[in-house]
């Protein structure tokens, strides 16, 4: 089984620092038997280039996918901070993605694929393809393009 950090290096990906909290909540909550619920993360990976606007209006599908990818990087950063080792992730159980989009935009699943593809590439089919919901919404906090939350099982 491949080491997640080696895979990140091969993909030329550096995990960002865990994002600052945007409210009164816990970024990662442990519950049940080895389960972690990850609060929603936006696309700002701390490089000063937050992705804001409505997909299908201000932003293209590809820009929305980049936002979802960045959200997933932030979720992984929070998980890395909580677990100390992403290799402890037994499986990604559920992803819920919200896409800030125009009323006529209908490609929310393709947007969230930007984050889901990263999980698949890092963890493989068995561990990295969770159940998933992709929803369109009229707005997200701070006008961010995408917000994603996740549930994982760990060892």
N, C-alpha and C. Protein backbone atom coordinates (compact mmCIF):
# COMPACT_ATOMS: atom_id res chain seq x y z
N UNK A 1 0.84 -1.18 0.00
CA UNK A 1 0.00 0.00 0.00
C UNK A 1 0.89 1.25 0.00
N UNK A 2 0.54 2.19 -0.84
CA UNK A 2 1.35 3.40 -1.00
C UNK A 2 1.23 4.32 0.21
N UNK A 3 2.32 4.95 0.55
CA UNK A 3 2.36 5.95 1.60
C UNK A 3 1.75 7.25 1.05
N UNK A 4 0.81 7.83 1.78
CA UNK A 4 0.12 9.03 1.31
C UNK A 4 1.09 10.19 1.09
N UNK A 5 2.08 10.33 1.96
CA UNK A 5 3.02 11.44 1.84
C UNK A 5 3.94 11.26 0.62
N UNK A 6 4.30 10.01 0.33
CA UNK A 6 5.08 9.74 -0.88
C UNK A 6 4.27 10.06 -2.12
N UNK A 7 2.98 9.70 -2.08
CA UNK A 7 2.08 9.98 -3.20
C UNK A 7 1.93 11.49 -3.40
N UNK A 8 1.77 12.23 -2.30
CA UNK A 8 1.68 13.69 -2.39
C UNK A 8 2.93 14.27 -3.04
N UNK A 9 4.09 13.75 -2.64
CA UNK A 9 5.35 14.22 -3.19
C UNK A 9 5.44 13.92 -4.69
N UNK A 10 5.05 12.69 -5.08
CA UNK A 10 5.03 12.30 -6.49
C UNK A 10 4.13 13.23 -7.31
N UNK A 11 3.02 13.66 -6.70
CA UNK A 11 2.05 14.52 -7.39
C UNK A 11 2.44 16.00 -7.28
N UNK A 12 3.58 16.25 -6.63
CA UNK A 12 4.07 17.63 -6.44
C UNK A 12 3.05 18.48 -5.67
N UNK A 13 2.48 17.89 -4.63
CA UNK A 13 1.48 18.56 -3.80
C UNK A 13 2.05 18.78 -2.40
N UNK A 14 1.95 20.00 -1.92
CA UNK A 14 2.32 20.33 -0.55
C UNK A 14 1.04 20.65 0.20
N UNK A 15 0.80 19.95 1.30
CA UNK A 15 -0.37 20.26 2.11
C UNK A 15 -0.23 21.66 2.69
N UNK A 16 -1.31 22.45 2.65
CA UNK A 16 -1.25 23.76 3.30
C UNK A 16 -1.31 23.58 4.82
N UNK A 17 -1.07 24.67 5.53
CA UNK A 17 -1.30 24.67 6.97
C UNK A 17 -2.81 24.54 7.19
N UNK A 18 -3.24 23.96 8.32
CA UNK A 18 -4.67 23.91 8.58
C UNK A 18 -5.26 25.33 8.49
N UNK A 19 -6.41 25.48 7.83
CA UNK A 19 -6.98 26.81 7.68
C UNK A 19 -7.45 27.36 9.02
N UNK A 20 -7.41 28.69 9.17
CA UNK A 20 -7.94 29.28 10.40
C UNK A 20 -9.46 29.06 10.47
N UNK A 21 -9.94 28.88 11.69
CA UNK A 21 -11.39 28.68 11.87
C UNK A 21 -12.13 29.96 11.50
N UNK A 22 -13.30 29.78 10.88
CA UNK A 22 -14.11 30.92 10.48
C UNK A 22 -15.31 31.14 11.39
N UNK A 23 -15.29 30.54 12.57
CA UNK A 23 -16.43 30.67 13.48
C UNK A 23 -16.18 29.88 14.74
N UNK A 24 -17.25 29.62 15.47
CA UNK A 24 -17.17 28.89 16.73
C UNK A 24 -17.55 27.43 16.46
N UNK A 25 -16.54 26.60 16.23
CA UNK A 25 -16.75 25.18 15.93
C UNK A 25 -15.43 24.43 16.08
N UNK A 26 -15.50 23.11 15.94
CA UNK A 26 -14.32 22.25 15.98
C UNK A 26 -14.02 21.80 14.55
N UNK A 27 -12.80 22.00 14.06
CA UNK A 27 -12.49 21.61 12.67
C UNK A 27 -12.66 20.11 12.40
N UNK A 28 -12.26 19.27 13.37
CA UNK A 28 -12.40 17.82 13.22
C UNK A 28 -12.91 17.26 14.54
N UNK A 29 -14.05 16.58 14.48
CA UNK A 29 -14.68 16.03 15.68
C UNK A 29 -14.64 14.51 15.62
N UNK A 30 -14.06 13.92 16.66
CA UNK A 30 -14.01 12.46 16.75
C UNK A 30 -15.31 11.97 17.38
N UNK A 31 -15.85 10.87 16.84
CA UNK A 31 -17.06 10.28 17.42
C UNK A 31 -17.12 8.80 17.07
N UNK A 32 -17.97 8.09 17.80
CA UNK A 32 -18.16 6.67 17.52
C UNK A 32 -16.86 5.89 17.60
N UNK A 33 -16.77 4.86 16.80
CA UNK A 33 -15.61 3.97 16.80
C UNK A 33 -14.68 4.33 15.65
N UNK A 34 -13.71 5.21 15.92
CA UNK A 34 -12.70 5.60 14.93
C UNK A 34 -13.27 6.37 13.74
N UNK A 35 -14.21 7.28 14.03
CA UNK A 35 -14.77 8.12 12.98
C UNK A 35 -14.42 9.58 13.25
N UNK A 36 -14.17 10.32 12.19
CA UNK A 36 -13.88 11.75 12.28
C UNK A 36 -14.81 12.51 11.34
N UNK A 37 -15.51 13.49 11.90
CA UNK A 37 -16.34 14.37 11.10
C UNK A 37 -15.57 15.67 10.90
N UNK A 38 -15.34 16.04 9.65
CA UNK A 38 -14.57 17.24 9.32
C UNK A 38 -15.51 18.37 8.93
N UNK A 39 -15.44 19.46 9.67
CA UNK A 39 -16.24 20.64 9.34
C UNK A 39 -15.90 21.13 7.95
N UNK A 40 -16.84 21.82 7.34
CA UNK A 40 -16.66 22.33 5.99
C UNK A 40 -15.45 23.24 5.87
N UNK A 41 -14.73 23.08 4.76
CA UNK A 41 -13.58 23.92 4.44
C UNK A 41 -13.82 24.60 3.11
N UNK A 42 -13.35 25.82 3.01
CA UNK A 42 -13.41 26.56 1.77
C UNK A 42 -12.13 26.39 0.97
N UNK A 43 -12.01 27.13 -0.14
CA UNK A 43 -10.90 26.94 -1.07
C UNK A 43 -9.64 27.75 -0.81
N UNK A 44 -9.61 28.58 0.24
CA UNK A 44 -8.42 29.40 0.51
C UNK A 44 -7.34 28.53 1.16
N UNK A 45 -6.25 28.26 0.43
CA UNK A 45 -5.18 27.42 0.98
C UNK A 45 -4.04 28.27 1.53
N UNK A 46 -4.33 29.52 1.88
CA UNK A 46 -3.36 30.36 2.56
C UNK A 46 -2.34 31.02 1.66
N UNK A 47 -2.57 30.97 0.35
CA UNK A 47 -1.62 31.57 -0.58
C UNK A 47 -2.08 32.94 -1.07
N UNK A 48 -3.17 33.45 -0.46
CA UNK A 48 -3.68 34.76 -0.84
C UNK A 48 -4.54 34.76 -2.10
N UNK A 49 -4.83 33.59 -2.63
CA UNK A 49 -5.64 33.49 -3.84
C UNK A 49 -6.91 32.70 -3.58
N UNK A 50 -7.77 33.22 -2.73
CA UNK A 50 -9.03 32.56 -2.45
C UNK A 50 -9.88 32.58 -3.72
N UNK A 51 -10.68 31.54 -3.90
CA UNK A 51 -11.54 31.45 -5.09
C UNK A 51 -12.95 31.81 -4.68
N UNK A 52 -13.39 32.98 -5.13
CA UNK A 52 -14.71 33.49 -4.77
C UNK A 52 -15.53 33.73 -6.04
N UNK A 53 -16.85 33.71 -5.86
CA UNK A 53 -17.76 33.98 -6.96
C UNK A 53 -18.65 32.78 -7.25
N UNK A 54 -19.56 32.99 -8.19
CA UNK A 54 -20.53 31.96 -8.55
C UNK A 54 -20.04 31.18 -9.76
N UNK A 55 -20.02 29.85 -9.60
CA UNK A 55 -19.69 28.97 -10.71
C UNK A 55 -20.86 29.04 -11.71
N UNK A 56 -20.52 29.14 -12.96
CA UNK A 56 -21.56 29.30 -13.99
C UNK A 56 -21.84 30.75 -14.30
N UNK A 57 -21.23 31.65 -13.55
CA UNK A 57 -21.38 33.09 -13.77
C UNK A 57 -20.01 33.73 -13.77
N UNK A 58 -19.51 34.00 -12.55
CA UNK A 58 -18.18 34.60 -12.38
C UNK A 58 -17.07 33.61 -12.70
N UNK A 59 -17.33 32.33 -12.47
CA UNK A 59 -16.30 31.29 -12.57
C UNK A 59 -16.71 30.19 -13.54
N UNK A 60 -15.71 29.61 -14.19
CA UNK A 60 -15.94 28.48 -15.09
C UNK A 60 -16.03 27.18 -14.28
N UNK A 61 -16.45 26.12 -14.95
CA UNK A 61 -16.45 24.80 -14.34
C UNK A 61 -15.06 24.44 -13.83
N UNK A 62 -14.03 24.72 -14.63
CA UNK A 62 -12.65 24.39 -14.26
C UNK A 62 -12.20 25.17 -13.02
N UNK A 63 -12.60 26.43 -12.92
CA UNK A 63 -12.26 27.22 -11.72
C UNK A 63 -13.00 26.66 -10.50
N UNK A 64 -14.22 26.19 -10.69
CA UNK A 64 -14.96 25.54 -9.61
C UNK A 64 -14.27 24.26 -9.17
N UNK A 65 -13.76 23.50 -10.12
CA UNK A 65 -13.04 22.26 -9.80
C UNK A 65 -11.77 22.56 -9.01
N UNK A 66 -11.08 23.63 -9.37
CA UNK A 66 -9.88 24.04 -8.63
C UNK A 66 -10.26 24.42 -7.20
N UNK A 67 -11.39 25.11 -7.05
CA UNK A 67 -11.87 25.46 -5.70
C UNK A 67 -12.14 24.21 -4.89
N UNK A 68 -12.79 23.20 -5.49
CA UNK A 68 -13.08 21.95 -4.78
C UNK A 68 -11.79 21.22 -4.41
N UNK A 69 -10.82 21.25 -5.30
CA UNK A 69 -9.49 20.66 -5.04
C UNK A 69 -8.86 21.33 -3.83
N UNK A 70 -8.90 22.66 -3.79
CA UNK A 70 -8.33 23.40 -2.66
C UNK A 70 -9.07 23.08 -1.37
N UNK A 71 -10.40 22.96 -1.43
CA UNK A 71 -11.18 22.58 -0.25
C UNK A 71 -10.68 21.25 0.30
N UNK A 72 -10.45 20.29 -0.61
CA UNK A 72 -10.00 18.97 -0.18
C UNK A 72 -8.61 19.04 0.43
N UNK A 73 -7.73 19.88 -0.11
CA UNK A 73 -6.41 20.06 0.50
C UNK A 73 -6.56 20.57 1.94
N UNK A 74 -7.47 21.51 2.16
CA UNK A 74 -7.69 22.04 3.51
C UNK A 74 -8.25 20.96 4.44
N UNK A 75 -9.15 20.14 3.94
CA UNK A 75 -9.68 19.04 4.75
C UNK A 75 -8.56 18.07 5.13
N UNK A 76 -7.71 17.75 4.17
CA UNK A 76 -6.58 16.86 4.45
C UNK A 76 -5.60 17.49 5.44
N UNK A 77 -5.41 18.80 5.35
CA UNK A 77 -4.54 19.49 6.31
C UNK A 77 -5.10 19.38 7.72
N UNK A 78 -6.43 19.55 7.85
CA UNK A 78 -7.06 19.41 9.17
C UNK A 78 -6.95 17.97 9.69
N UNK A 79 -7.14 17.01 8.80
CA UNK A 79 -7.02 15.60 9.20
C UNK A 79 -5.58 15.26 9.59
N UNK A 80 -4.62 15.78 8.85
CA UNK A 80 -3.22 15.56 9.17
C UNK A 80 -2.89 16.13 10.55
N UNK A 81 -3.44 17.30 10.84
CA UNK A 81 -3.23 17.95 12.14
C UNK A 81 -3.85 17.11 13.27
N UNK A 82 -5.03 16.57 13.03
CA UNK A 82 -5.74 15.80 14.05
C UNK A 82 -5.11 14.41 14.26
N UNK A 83 -4.82 13.71 13.16
CA UNK A 83 -4.33 12.33 13.23
C UNK A 83 -2.82 12.22 13.38
N UNK A 84 -2.10 13.23 12.89
CA UNK A 84 -0.65 13.16 12.89
C UNK A 84 -0.08 12.32 11.77
N UNK A 85 -0.93 11.59 11.06
CA UNK A 85 -0.48 10.73 9.96
C UNK A 85 -1.68 10.37 9.09
N UNK A 86 -1.69 10.88 7.86
CA UNK A 86 -2.81 10.59 6.94
C UNK A 86 -2.88 9.12 6.55
N UNK A 87 -1.81 8.38 6.77
CA UNK A 87 -1.83 6.95 6.49
C UNK A 87 -2.74 6.20 7.45
N UNK A 88 -3.18 6.84 8.50
CA UNK A 88 -4.11 6.23 9.45
C UNK A 88 -5.54 6.22 8.91
N UNK A 89 -5.79 6.95 7.83
CA UNK A 89 -7.14 6.96 7.26
C UNK A 89 -7.44 5.58 6.67
N UNK A 90 -8.45 4.95 7.22
CA UNK A 90 -8.86 3.61 6.77
C UNK A 90 -9.72 3.72 5.51
N UNK A 91 -10.62 4.73 5.51
CA UNK A 91 -11.43 4.98 4.33
C UNK A 91 -12.15 6.32 4.45
N UNK A 92 -12.33 6.93 3.33
CA UNK A 92 -13.14 8.16 3.23
C UNK A 92 -14.58 7.69 3.11
N UNK A 93 -15.43 8.08 4.06
CA UNK A 93 -16.78 7.53 4.15
C UNK A 93 -17.79 8.38 3.39
N UNK A 94 -17.74 9.71 3.57
CA UNK A 94 -18.77 10.58 2.99
C UNK A 94 -18.18 11.95 2.71
N UNK A 95 -18.57 12.52 1.58
CA UNK A 95 -18.22 13.90 1.21
C UNK A 95 -19.51 14.63 0.89
N UNK A 96 -19.64 15.84 1.42
CA UNK A 96 -20.77 16.70 1.09
C UNK A 96 -20.20 18.01 0.57
N UNK A 97 -20.52 18.34 -0.68
CA UNK A 97 -20.00 19.53 -1.30
C UNK A 97 -21.09 20.52 -1.65
N UNK A 98 -20.82 21.79 -1.37
CA UNK A 98 -21.74 22.88 -1.70
C UNK A 98 -21.07 23.77 -2.75
N UNK A 99 -21.76 24.02 -3.84
CA UNK A 99 -21.24 24.85 -4.91
C UNK A 99 -22.05 26.14 -4.97
N UNK A 100 -21.37 27.26 -4.78
CA UNK A 100 -21.98 28.58 -4.94
C UNK A 100 -22.13 28.79 -6.44
N UNK A 101 -23.36 28.74 -6.95
CA UNK A 101 -23.54 28.75 -8.40
C UNK A 101 -24.77 29.53 -8.82
N UNK A 102 -24.82 29.80 -10.11
CA UNK A 102 -25.98 30.47 -10.69
C UNK A 102 -27.17 29.51 -10.67
N UNK A 103 -28.36 30.07 -10.78
CA UNK A 103 -29.58 29.25 -10.73
C UNK A 103 -29.65 28.21 -11.84
N UNK A 104 -29.07 28.50 -12.99
CA UNK A 104 -29.17 27.58 -14.12
C UNK A 104 -27.97 26.63 -14.24
N UNK A 105 -27.02 26.70 -13.32
CA UNK A 105 -25.85 25.81 -13.34
C UNK A 105 -26.25 24.44 -12.78
N UNK A 106 -25.94 23.37 -13.51
CA UNK A 106 -26.37 22.02 -13.09
C UNK A 106 -25.22 21.01 -13.02
N UNK A 107 -23.98 21.48 -13.03
CA UNK A 107 -22.85 20.55 -13.05
C UNK A 107 -22.13 20.48 -11.68
N UNK A 108 -22.91 20.55 -10.61
CA UNK A 108 -22.32 20.48 -9.28
C UNK A 108 -21.48 19.22 -9.07
N UNK A 109 -21.94 18.03 -9.52
CA UNK A 109 -21.10 16.85 -9.35
C UNK A 109 -19.74 16.97 -10.02
N UNK A 110 -19.70 17.56 -11.21
CA UNK A 110 -18.43 17.73 -11.91
C UNK A 110 -17.52 18.69 -11.17
N UNK A 111 -18.09 19.72 -10.52
CA UNK A 111 -17.29 20.65 -9.72
C UNK A 111 -16.65 19.89 -8.55
N UNK A 112 -17.46 19.16 -7.80
CA UNK A 112 -16.95 18.45 -6.62
C UNK A 112 -15.96 17.35 -7.01
N UNK A 113 -16.03 16.86 -8.26
CA UNK A 113 -15.02 15.91 -8.74
C UNK A 113 -13.61 16.47 -8.58
N UNK A 114 -13.46 17.79 -8.60
CA UNK A 114 -12.15 18.39 -8.39
C UNK A 114 -11.52 17.98 -7.07
N UNK A 115 -12.33 17.78 -6.06
CA UNK A 115 -11.85 17.30 -4.76
C UNK A 115 -11.86 15.78 -4.68
N UNK A 116 -12.89 15.16 -5.22
CA UNK A 116 -13.01 13.70 -5.16
C UNK A 116 -11.88 13.02 -5.91
N UNK A 117 -11.48 13.59 -7.05
CA UNK A 117 -10.38 13.00 -7.82
C UNK A 117 -9.08 12.97 -7.00
N UNK A 118 -8.87 13.99 -6.18
CA UNK A 118 -7.68 14.01 -5.33
C UNK A 118 -7.71 12.86 -4.34
N UNK A 119 -8.85 12.63 -3.70
CA UNK A 119 -8.97 11.50 -2.77
C UNK A 119 -8.71 10.18 -3.47
N UNK A 120 -9.28 10.02 -4.66
CA UNK A 120 -9.10 8.80 -5.42
C UNK A 120 -7.63 8.58 -5.77
N UNK A 121 -6.95 9.64 -6.22
CA UNK A 121 -5.54 9.52 -6.60
C UNK A 121 -4.65 9.22 -5.39
N UNK A 122 -4.98 9.79 -4.24
CA UNK A 122 -4.15 9.59 -3.04
C UNK A 122 -4.40 8.25 -2.36
N UNK A 123 -5.67 7.85 -2.28
CA UNK A 123 -6.02 6.70 -1.45
C UNK A 123 -6.48 5.47 -2.24
N UNK A 124 -6.72 5.63 -3.54
CA UNK A 124 -7.19 4.50 -4.34
C UNK A 124 -8.69 4.32 -4.23
N UNK A 125 -9.20 3.37 -5.02
CA UNK A 125 -10.65 3.18 -5.13
C UNK A 125 -11.30 2.72 -3.83
N UNK A 126 -10.68 1.75 -3.16
CA UNK A 126 -11.30 1.18 -1.96
C UNK A 126 -11.38 2.18 -0.81
N UNK A 127 -10.33 2.96 -0.61
CA UNK A 127 -10.29 3.92 0.50
C UNK A 127 -10.76 5.31 0.10
N UNK A 128 -10.58 5.67 -1.15
CA UNK A 128 -10.73 7.06 -1.56
C UNK A 128 -11.96 7.41 -2.38
N UNK A 129 -12.94 6.49 -2.47
CA UNK A 129 -14.18 6.82 -3.18
C UNK A 129 -15.35 6.73 -2.20
N UNK A 130 -15.61 7.83 -1.47
CA UNK A 130 -16.69 7.82 -0.48
C UNK A 130 -18.07 8.00 -1.11
N UNK A 131 -19.08 7.78 -0.32
CA UNK A 131 -20.42 8.22 -0.70
C UNK A 131 -20.35 9.74 -0.80
N UNK A 132 -21.22 10.34 -1.64
CA UNK A 132 -21.05 11.77 -1.87
C UNK A 132 -22.36 12.44 -2.27
N UNK A 133 -22.50 13.69 -1.86
CA UNK A 133 -23.58 14.55 -2.31
C UNK A 133 -22.97 15.85 -2.77
N UNK A 134 -23.43 16.35 -3.92
CA UNK A 134 -22.98 17.63 -4.46
C UNK A 134 -24.21 18.51 -4.65
N UNK A 135 -24.24 19.64 -3.94
CA UNK A 135 -25.41 20.51 -3.95
C UNK A 135 -25.05 21.90 -4.48
N UNK A 136 -25.97 22.48 -5.19
CA UNK A 136 -25.83 23.87 -5.58
C UNK A 136 -26.51 24.74 -4.53
N UNK A 137 -25.95 25.91 -4.30
CA UNK A 137 -26.52 26.84 -3.33
C UNK A 137 -26.42 28.26 -3.86
N UNK A 138 -27.27 29.15 -3.35
CA UNK A 138 -27.28 30.53 -3.84
C UNK A 138 -26.13 31.35 -3.28
N UNK A 139 -25.48 30.88 -2.22
CA UNK A 139 -24.30 31.57 -1.69
C UNK A 139 -23.57 30.66 -0.72
N UNK A 140 -22.31 31.00 -0.50
CA UNK A 140 -21.48 30.33 0.51
C UNK A 140 -20.83 31.43 1.34
N UNK A 141 -20.34 31.13 2.54
CA UNK A 141 -19.74 32.15 3.39
C UNK A 141 -18.63 32.93 2.66
N UNK A 142 -18.68 34.24 2.77
CA UNK A 142 -17.64 35.07 2.16
C UNK A 142 -17.62 35.00 0.64
N UNK A 143 -18.70 34.50 0.05
CA UNK A 143 -18.83 34.35 -1.40
C UNK A 143 -17.83 33.33 -1.97
N UNK A 144 -17.31 32.41 -1.12
CA UNK A 144 -16.41 31.38 -1.64
C UNK A 144 -17.16 30.53 -2.66
N UNK A 145 -16.42 29.96 -3.60
CA UNK A 145 -17.03 29.22 -4.70
C UNK A 145 -17.54 27.84 -4.26
N UNK A 146 -16.83 27.21 -3.33
CA UNK A 146 -17.15 25.83 -2.92
C UNK A 146 -16.83 25.67 -1.43
N UNK A 147 -17.64 24.86 -0.76
CA UNK A 147 -17.33 24.41 0.60
C UNK A 147 -17.59 22.91 0.64
N UNK A 148 -16.65 22.17 1.26
CA UNK A 148 -16.78 20.71 1.34
C UNK A 148 -16.54 20.26 2.78
N UNK A 149 -17.36 19.31 3.22
CA UNK A 149 -17.16 18.65 4.51
C UNK A 149 -16.98 17.16 4.25
N UNK A 150 -16.44 16.45 5.24
CA UNK A 150 -16.10 15.05 5.00
C UNK A 150 -16.17 14.23 6.29
N UNK A 151 -16.43 12.96 6.13
CA UNK A 151 -16.44 11.98 7.21
C UNK A 151 -15.45 10.88 6.84
N UNK A 152 -14.54 10.56 7.77
CA UNK A 152 -13.56 9.50 7.52
C UNK A 152 -13.51 8.51 8.67
N UNK A 153 -13.09 7.29 8.35
CA UNK A 153 -12.82 6.26 9.35
C UNK A 153 -11.30 6.12 9.41
N UNK A 154 -10.77 5.97 10.62
CA UNK A 154 -9.32 5.88 10.76
C UNK A 154 -8.94 4.68 11.62
N UNK A 155 -7.65 4.33 11.57
CA UNK A 155 -7.13 3.22 12.37
C UNK A 155 -6.27 3.76 13.47
